[in-house]
């Protein structure tokens, strides 16, 4: 049986598709976008008060201080991996894994606004310096995994995701509609590719698949596990 509607869709839509850039395999461009994202974030959070830091973020159980502290430690983690790659050393983001990550965030979230902002600014400046060193060295040893699931050449892209997502999470007026198109083109494809594994319900997977195929509305009860 012929399916003219599907064939028509392929004939009309497919030629209009554009090839998106894989930012994980292009650390130079990802680092440029990351610098811009970090600058936007710092411009928005400048002048936050201690009370602002105690305000809840969009993440359950985390205040704005938790989110910004996490971003500072995440910058340090990516800097460690990239600095190690320059010297030929494969190092993890966190030496003690998720336990270290959680402890650093919790201990740092109680600081003053001035301390948190200065810490984040310093961590991001250090990371940007490592970006420059990595670029001059030709982004060496990009295959190093550091015990994780992506090579060190993907660090700038993954840092970009952290900044763009958590800029929204702090709840200061930056929304997904503000995300740059280059970032969306890359990360939308990445998140869609991993969506199936984040859908815990068999019916949820089928409903989500049908929605992606244009075969019905998305069930509002659909739940994706955190990325």
C-alpha atoms as a PDB file:
ATOM      1  CA  UNK A   1       0.000   0.000   0.000  1.00  0.00           C
ATOM      2  CA  UNK A   2       1.365   3.420  -0.925  1.00  0.00           C
ATOM      3  CA  UNK A   3       1.747   6.095   1.726  1.00  0.00           C
ATOM      4  CA  UNK A   4       1.626   9.295  -0.300  1.00  0.00           C
ATOM      5  CA  UNK A   5       1.544  11.564   2.734  1.00  0.00           C
ATOM      6  CA  UNK A   6       4.801  10.171   4.135  1.00  0.00           C
ATOM      7  CA  UNK A   7       6.466  10.202   0.735  1.00  0.00           C
ATOM      8  CA  UNK A   8       5.325  13.773   0.217  1.00  0.00           C
ATOM      9  CA  UNK A   9       6.816  14.760   3.600  1.00  0.00           C
ATOM     10  CA  UNK A  10      10.158  13.262   2.644  1.00  0.00           C
ATOM     11  CA  UNK A  11      10.190  14.975  -0.719  1.00  0.00           C
ATOM     12  CA  UNK A  12       9.350  18.420   0.615  1.00  0.00           C
ATOM     13  CA  UNK A  13      10.986  18.527   4.036  1.00  0.00           C
ATOM     14  CA  UNK A  14      14.153  16.462   3.718  1.00  0.00           C
ATOM     15  CA  UNK A  15      15.963  18.825   1.287  1.00  0.00           C
ATOM     16  CA  UNK A  16      15.480  21.690   3.750  1.00  0.00           C
ATOM     17  CA  UNK A  17      17.306  19.978   6.590  1.00  0.00           C
ATOM     18  CA  UNK A  18      20.588  21.569   7.568  1.00  0.00           C
ATOM     19  CA  UNK A  19      23.572  19.715   8.925  1.00  0.00           C
ATOM     20  CA  UNK A  20      24.167  20.759  12.521  1.00  0.00           C
ATOM     21  CA  UNK A  21      27.597  21.166  14.035  1.00  0.00           C
ATOM     22  CA  UNK A  22      28.647  18.549  16.583  1.00  0.00           C
ATOM     23  CA  UNK A  23      30.076  20.849  19.234  1.00  0.00           C
ATOM     24  CA  UNK A  24      31.607  17.915  21.113  1.00  0.00           C
ATOM     25  CA  UNK A  25      33.935  17.306  18.172  1.00  0.00           C
ATOM     26  CA  UNK A  26      34.571  21.025  17.649  1.00  0.00           C
ATOM     27  CA  UNK A  27      35.980  22.242  20.984  1.00  0.00           C
ATOM     28  CA  UNK A  28      37.215  25.477  19.456  1.00  0.00           C
ATOM     29  CA  UNK A  29      33.743  26.668  18.464  1.00  0.00           C
ATOM     30  CA  UNK A  30      32.205  25.268  21.651  1.00  0.00           C
ATOM     31  CA  UNK A  31      34.726  27.187  23.755  1.00  0.00           C
ATOM     32  CA  UNK A  32      33.835  30.412  21.931  1.00  0.00           C
ATOM     33  CA  UNK A  33      30.133  29.874  22.605  1.00  0.00           C
ATOM     34  CA  UNK A  34      30.940  28.984  26.208  1.00  0.00           C
ATOM     35  CA  UNK A  35      32.821  32.250  26.753  1.00  0.00           C
ATOM     36  CA  UNK A  36      29.800  34.157  25.481  1.00  0.00           C
ATOM     37  CA  UNK A  37      27.435  32.157  27.691  1.00  0.00           C
ATOM     38  CA  UNK A  38      29.548  32.715  30.784  1.00  0.00           C
ATOM     39  CA  UNK A  39      29.692  36.432  30.065  1.00  0.00           C
ATOM     40  CA  UNK A  40      25.885  36.600  29.749  1.00  0.00           C
ATOM     41  CA  UNK A  41      25.489  34.761  33.025  1.00  0.00           C
ATOM     42  CA  UNK A  42      27.869  37.042  34.930  1.00  0.00           C
ATOM     43  CA  UNK A  43      26.117  40.110  33.543  1.00  0.00           C
ATOM     44  CA  UNK A  44      22.757  38.867  34.809  1.00  0.00           C
ATOM     45  CA  UNK A  45      23.842  37.818  38.307  1.00  0.00           C
ATOM     46  CA  UNK A  46      26.015  40.847  39.051  1.00  0.00           C
ATOM     47  CA  UNK A  47      24.788  42.620  42.159  1.00  0.00           C
ATOM     48  CA  UNK A  48      22.822  39.724  43.660  1.00  0.00           C
ATOM     49  CA  UNK A  49      22.339  40.128  47.403  1.00  0.00           C
ATOM     50  CA  UNK A  50      22.661  37.591  50.196  1.00  0.00           C
ATOM     51  CA  UNK A  51      18.860  37.343  50.235  1.00  0.00           C
ATOM     52  CA  UNK A  52      18.830  36.686  46.489  1.00  0.00           C
ATOM     53  CA  UNK A  53      21.285  33.829  47.001  1.00  0.00           C
ATOM     54  CA  UNK A  54      18.977  32.194  49.530  1.00  0.00           C
ATOM     55  CA  UNK A  55      16.037  32.298  47.107  1.00  0.00           C
ATOM     56  CA  UNK A  56      14.889  28.951  45.658  1.00  0.00           C
ATOM     57  CA  UNK A  57      16.024  28.074  42.156  1.00  0.00           C
ATOM     58  CA  UNK A  58      14.054  26.041  39.636  1.00  0.00           C
ATOM     59  CA  UNK A  59      15.886  22.903  40.836  1.00  0.00           C
ATOM     60  CA  UNK A  60      14.208  21.071  43.745  1.00  0.00           C
ATOM     61  CA  UNK A  61      16.096  21.587  46.992  1.00  0.00           C
ATOM     62  CA  UNK A  62      18.611  24.027  45.526  1.00  0.00           C
ATOM     63  CA  UNK A  63      18.833  27.749  46.167  1.00  0.00           C
ATOM     64  CA  UNK A  64      20.345  30.211  43.706  1.00  0.00           C
ATOM     65  CA  UNK A  65      23.533  29.880  45.784  1.00  0.00           C
ATOM     66  CA  UNK A  66      23.586  26.122  45.205  1.00  0.00           C
ATOM     67  CA  UNK A  67      23.277  26.565  41.436  1.00  0.00           C
ATOM     68  CA  UNK A  68      26.022  29.201  41.207  1.00  0.00           C
ATOM     69  CA  UNK A  69      28.335  27.231  43.489  1.00  0.00           C
ATOM     70  CA  UNK A  70      27.771  24.181  41.308  1.00  0.00           C
ATOM     71  CA  UNK A  71      28.671  26.219  38.226  1.00  0.00           C
ATOM     72  CA  UNK A  72      31.913  27.352  39.858  1.00  0.00           C
ATOM     73  CA  UNK A  73      32.947  23.824  40.809  1.00  0.00           C
ATOM     74  CA  UNK A  74      31.886  22.526  37.387  1.00  0.00           C
ATOM     75  CA  UNK A  75      34.181  25.098  35.750  1.00  0.00           C
ATOM     76  CA  UNK A  76      37.024  23.839  37.955  1.00  0.00           C
ATOM     77  CA  UNK A  77      36.223  20.251  36.985  1.00  0.00           C
ATOM     78  CA  UNK A  78      36.383  20.927  33.254  1.00  0.00           C
ATOM     79  CA  UNK A  79      39.559  22.956  33.742  1.00  0.00           C
ATOM     80  CA  UNK A  80      41.155  19.991  35.519  1.00  0.00           C
ATOM     81  CA  UNK A  81      40.355  17.638  32.652  1.00  0.00           C
ATOM     82  CA  UNK A  82      41.582  20.013  29.980  1.00  0.00           C
ATOM     83  CA  UNK A  83      44.752  20.957  31.891  1.00  0.00           C
ATOM     84  CA  UNK A  84      45.510  17.268  32.364  1.00  0.00           C
ATOM     85  CA  UNK A  85      45.042  16.604  28.658  1.00  0.00           C
ATOM     86  CA  UNK A  86      47.585  19.289  27.805  1.00  0.00           C
ATOM     87  CA  UNK A  87      50.226  17.473  29.884  1.00  0.00           C
ATOM     88  CA  UNK A  88      49.110  14.020  28.760  1.00  0.00           C
ATOM     89  CA  UNK A  89      47.352  13.098  32.001  1.00  0.00           C
ATOM     90  CA  UNK A  90      43.853  11.602  31.963  1.00  0.00           C
ATOM     91  CA  UNK A  91      42.145  13.024  35.046  1.00  0.00           C
ATOM     92  CA  UNK A  92      38.498  12.855  36.196  1.00  0.00           C
ATOM     93  CA  UNK A  93      36.264  15.856  36.759  1.00  0.00           C
ATOM     94  CA  UNK A  94      36.007  15.036  40.470  1.00  0.00           C
ATOM     95  CA  UNK A  95      38.617  12.904  42.213  1.00  0.00           C
ATOM     96  CA  UNK A  96      36.049  11.501  44.632  1.00  0.00           C
ATOM     97  CA  UNK A  97      33.192  11.383  42.163  1.00  0.00           C
ATOM     98  CA  UNK A  98      29.651  12.525  42.919  1.00  0.00           C
ATOM     99  CA  UNK A  99      30.354  12.521  46.655  1.00  0.00           C
ATOM    100  CA  UNK A 100      32.948  15.260  46.208  1.00  0.00           C
ATOM    101  CA  UNK A 101      30.635  17.185  43.889  1.00  0.00           C
ATOM    102  CA  UNK A 102      27.746  17.138  46.375  1.00  0.00           C
ATOM    103  CA  UNK A 103      29.940  18.072  49.354  1.00  0.00           C
ATOM    104  CA  UNK A 104      31.526  21.030  47.563  1.00  0.00           C
ATOM    105  CA  UNK A 105      28.168  22.403  46.475  1.00  0.00           C
ATOM    106  CA  UNK A 106      26.597  22.089  49.920  1.00  0.00           C
ATOM    107  CA  UNK A 107      29.552  23.604  51.752  1.00  0.00           C
ATOM    108  CA  UNK A 108      29.839  26.511  49.317  1.00  0.00           C
ATOM    109  CA  UNK A 109      26.157  27.433  49.145  1.00  0.00           C
ATOM    110  CA  UNK A 110      26.159  29.055  52.587  1.00  0.00           C
ATOM    111  CA  UNK A 111      28.653  31.771  51.687  1.00  0.00           C
ATOM    112  CA  UNK A 112      27.912  35.446  51.153  1.00  0.00           C
ATOM    113  CA  UNK A 113      26.762  36.662  47.762  1.00  0.00           C
ATOM    114  CA  UNK A 114      30.041  38.532  47.264  1.00  0.00           C
ATOM    115  CA  UNK A 115      32.067  35.391  47.945  1.00  0.00           C
ATOM    116  CA  UNK A 116      29.981  33.238  45.597  1.00  0.00           C
ATOM    117  CA  UNK A 117      30.123  35.756  42.760  1.00  0.00           C
ATOM    118  CA  UNK A 118      33.884  36.252  43.134  1.00  0.00           C
ATOM    119  CA  UNK A 119      34.416  32.488  43.227  1.00  0.00           C
ATOM    120  CA  UNK A 120      32.372  31.913  40.062  1.00  0.00           C
ATOM    121  CA  UNK A 121      34.128  34.745  38.232  1.00  0.00           C
ATOM    122  CA  UNK A 122      37.552  33.354  39.154  1.00  0.00           C
ATOM    123  CA  UNK A 123      36.648  29.774  38.202  1.00  0.00           C
ATOM    124  CA  UNK A 124      35.275  30.825  34.833  1.00  0.00           C
ATOM    125  CA  UNK A 125      38.294  33.037  34.134  1.00  0.00           C
ATOM    126  CA  UNK A 126      40.592  30.097  34.903  1.00  0.00           C
ATOM    127  CA  UNK A 127      38.597  27.832  32.594  1.00  0.00           C
ATOM    128  CA  UNK A 128      38.753  30.378  29.785  1.00  0.00           C
ATOM    129  CA  UNK A 129      42.521  30.573  30.253  1.00  0.00           C
ATOM    130  CA  UNK A 130      42.695  26.775  29.935  1.00  0.00           C
ATOM    131  CA  UNK A 131      40.566  27.035  26.789  1.00  0.00           C
ATOM    132  CA  UNK A 132      43.199  29.349  25.333  1.00  0.00           C
ATOM    133  CA  UNK A 133      46.045  27.035  26.300  1.00  0.00           C
ATOM    134  CA  UNK A 134      44.192  24.037  24.869  1.00  0.00           C
ATOM    135  CA  UNK A 135      43.547  25.886  21.614  1.00  0.00           C
ATOM    136  CA  UNK A 136      47.212  26.833  21.263  1.00  0.00           C
ATOM    137  CA  UNK A 137      48.169  23.190  21.897  1.00  0.00           C
ATOM    138  CA  UNK A 138      45.660  21.948  19.293  1.00  0.00           C
ATOM    139  CA  UNK A 139      43.203  20.466  21.808  1.00  0.00           C
ATOM    140  CA  UNK A 140      45.425  17.446  22.581  1.00  0.00           C
ATOM    141  CA  UNK A 141      44.352  14.016  23.816  1.00  0.00           C
ATOM    142  CA  UNK A 142      40.707  14.638  23.058  1.00  0.00           C
ATOM    143  CA  UNK A 143      39.980  10.936  23.538  1.00  0.00           C
ATOM    144  CA  UNK A 144      40.801  10.962  27.273  1.00  0.00           C
ATOM    145  CA  UNK A 145      37.655   9.929  29.175  1.00  0.00           C
ATOM    146  CA  UNK A 146      38.631  10.681  32.770  1.00  0.00           C
ATOM    147  CA  UNK A 147      36.373   7.879  33.907  1.00  0.00           C
ATOM    148  CA  UNK A 148      33.370   9.570  32.290  1.00  0.00           C
ATOM    149  CA  UNK A 149      31.346   9.003  29.154  1.00  0.00           C
ATOM    150  CA  UNK A 150      32.705  11.682  26.824  1.00  0.00           C
ATOM    151  CA  UNK A 151      36.192  12.608  25.682  1.00  0.00           C
ATOM    152  CA  UNK A 152      37.970  15.662  27.013  1.00  0.00           C
ATOM    153  CA  UNK A 153      37.454  17.381  23.650  1.00  0.00           C
ATOM    154  CA  UNK A 154      33.767  17.493  24.620  1.00  0.00           C
ATOM    155  CA  UNK A 155      34.419  19.531  27.773  1.00  0.00           C
ATOM    156  CA  UNK A 156      33.706  22.963  26.213  1.00  0.00           C
ATOM    157  CA  UNK A 157      30.388  21.722  24.795  1.00  0.00           C
ATOM    158  CA  UNK A 158      29.324  20.123  28.066  1.00  0.00           C
ATOM    159  CA  UNK A 159      30.309  23.246  29.979  1.00  0.00           C
ATOM    160  CA  UNK A 160      28.203  25.267  27.529  1.00  0.00           C
ATOM    161  CA  UNK A 161      25.217  23.062  28.365  1.00  0.00           C
ATOM    162  CA  UNK A 162      25.757  23.544  32.107  1.00  0.00           C
ATOM    163  CA  UNK A 163      25.861  27.318  31.776  1.00  0.00           C
ATOM    164  CA  UNK A 164      22.880  27.621  29.432  1.00  0.00           C
ATOM    165  CA  UNK A 165      20.673  25.239  31.434  1.00  0.00           C
ATOM    166  CA  UNK A 166      21.546  26.614  34.851  1.00  0.00           C
ATOM    167  CA  UNK A 167      21.276  30.225  33.667  1.00  0.00           C
ATOM    168  CA  UNK A 168      17.595  29.378  33.195  1.00  0.00           C
ATOM    169  CA  UNK A 169      17.459  27.557  36.543  1.00  0.00           C
ATOM    170  CA  UNK A 170      18.486  30.597  38.603  1.00  0.00           C
ATOM    171  CA  UNK A 171      15.178  32.187  37.623  1.00  0.00           C
ATOM    172  CA  UNK A 172      16.365  35.709  36.855  1.00  0.00           C
ATOM    173  CA  UNK A 173      14.599  36.246  33.537  1.00  0.00           C
ATOM    174  CA  UNK A 174      16.775  34.163  31.221  1.00  0.00           C
ATOM    175  CA  UNK A 175      14.576  31.557  29.506  1.00  0.00           C
ATOM    176  CA  UNK A 176      14.952  28.770  26.945  1.00  0.00           C
ATOM    177  CA  UNK A 177      13.823  31.269  24.309  1.00  0.00           C
ATOM    178  CA  UNK A 178      17.129  33.074  24.926  1.00  0.00           C
ATOM    179  CA  UNK A 179      19.285  30.034  24.119  1.00  0.00           C
ATOM    180  CA  UNK A 180      21.561  30.666  21.105  1.00  0.00           C
ATOM    181  CA  UNK A 181      20.601  28.773  17.948  1.00  0.00           C
ATOM    182  CA  UNK A 182      23.987  27.032  17.628  1.00  0.00           C
ATOM    183  CA  UNK A 183      23.611  25.641  21.121  1.00  0.00           C
ATOM    184  CA  UNK A 184      20.025  24.499  20.488  1.00  0.00           C
ATOM    185  CA  UNK A 185      20.936  22.853  17.172  1.00  0.00           C
ATOM    186  CA  UNK A 186      23.589  20.752  18.922  1.00  0.00           C
ATOM    187  CA  UNK A 187      21.993  19.937  22.266  1.00  0.00           C
ATOM    188  CA  UNK A 188      18.462  19.314  21.034  1.00  0.00           C
ATOM    189  CA  UNK A 189      19.785  16.471  18.900  1.00  0.00           C
ATOM    190  CA  UNK A 190      21.873  15.131  21.796  1.00  0.00           C
ATOM    191  CA  UNK A 191      18.986  15.242  24.264  1.00  0.00           C
ATOM    192  CA  UNK A 192      16.586  13.639  21.796  1.00  0.00           C
ATOM    193  CA  UNK A 193      19.070  10.825  21.143  1.00  0.00           C
ATOM    194  CA  UNK A 194      19.157  10.022  24.855  1.00  0.00           C
ATOM    195  CA  UNK A 195      15.478  10.590  25.600  1.00  0.00           C
ATOM    196  CA  UNK A 196      14.484   6.956  25.248  1.00  0.00           C
ATOM    197  CA  UNK A 197      16.754   5.892  28.095  1.00  0.00           C
ATOM    198  CA  UNK A 198      15.301   8.634  30.320  1.00  0.00           C
ATOM    199  CA  UNK A 199      11.692   7.486  29.859  1.00  0.00           C
ATOM    200  CA  UNK A 200      11.090   4.915  32.586  1.00  0.00           C
ATOM    201  CA  UNK A 201       7.548   3.898  31.603  1.00  0.00           C
ATOM    202  CA  UNK A 202       6.987   1.592  28.589  1.00  0.00           C
ATOM    203  CA  UNK A 203       3.789   3.485  27.775  1.00  0.00           C
ATOM    204  CA  UNK A 204       5.684   6.747  28.195  1.00  0.00           C
ATOM    205  CA  UNK A 205       8.248   5.657  25.603  1.00  0.00           C
ATOM    206  CA  UNK A 206       5.527   4.749  23.142  1.00  0.00           C
ATOM    207  CA  UNK A 207       3.633   7.984  23.689  1.00  0.00           C
ATOM    208  CA  UNK A 208       6.785  10.073  23.350  1.00  0.00           C
ATOM    209  CA  UNK A 209       7.737   8.210  20.170  1.00  0.00           C
ATOM    210  CA  UNK A 210       4.276   8.773  18.696  1.00  0.00           C
ATOM    211  CA  UNK A 211       4.511  12.488  19.478  1.00  0.00           C
ATOM    212  CA  UNK A 212       7.926  12.758  17.820  1.00  0.00           C
ATOM    213  CA  UNK A 213       6.467  11.046  14.756  1.00  0.00           C
ATOM    214  CA  UNK A 214       3.558  13.486  14.628  1.00  0.00           C
ATOM    215  CA  UNK A 215       1.059  10.826  15.653  1.00  0.00           C
ATOM    216  CA  UNK A 216      -0.601  12.576  18.563  1.00  0.00           C
ATOM    217  CA  UNK A 217      -0.132  15.119  21.377  1.00  0.00           C
ATOM    218  CA  UNK A 218       2.447  14.625  24.097  1.00  0.00           C
ATOM    219  CA  UNK A 219       0.919  13.255  27.290  1.00  0.00           C
ATOM    220  CA  UNK A 220       1.423  15.930  30.005  1.00  0.00           C
ATOM    221  CA  UNK A 221       2.162  13.103  32.444  1.00  0.00           C
ATOM    222  CA  UNK A 222       5.276  12.100  30.487  1.00  0.00           C
ATOM    223  CA  UNK A 223       8.302  12.201  32.790  1.00  0.00           C
ATOM    224  CA  UNK A 224      11.926  12.335  31.657  1.00  0.00           C
ATOM    225  CA  UNK A 225      14.587  11.449  34.211  1.00  0.00           C
ATOM    226  CA  UNK A 226      17.155  14.279  34.742  1.00  0.00           C
ATOM    227  CA  UNK A 227      19.990  14.398  32.233  1.00  0.00           C
END
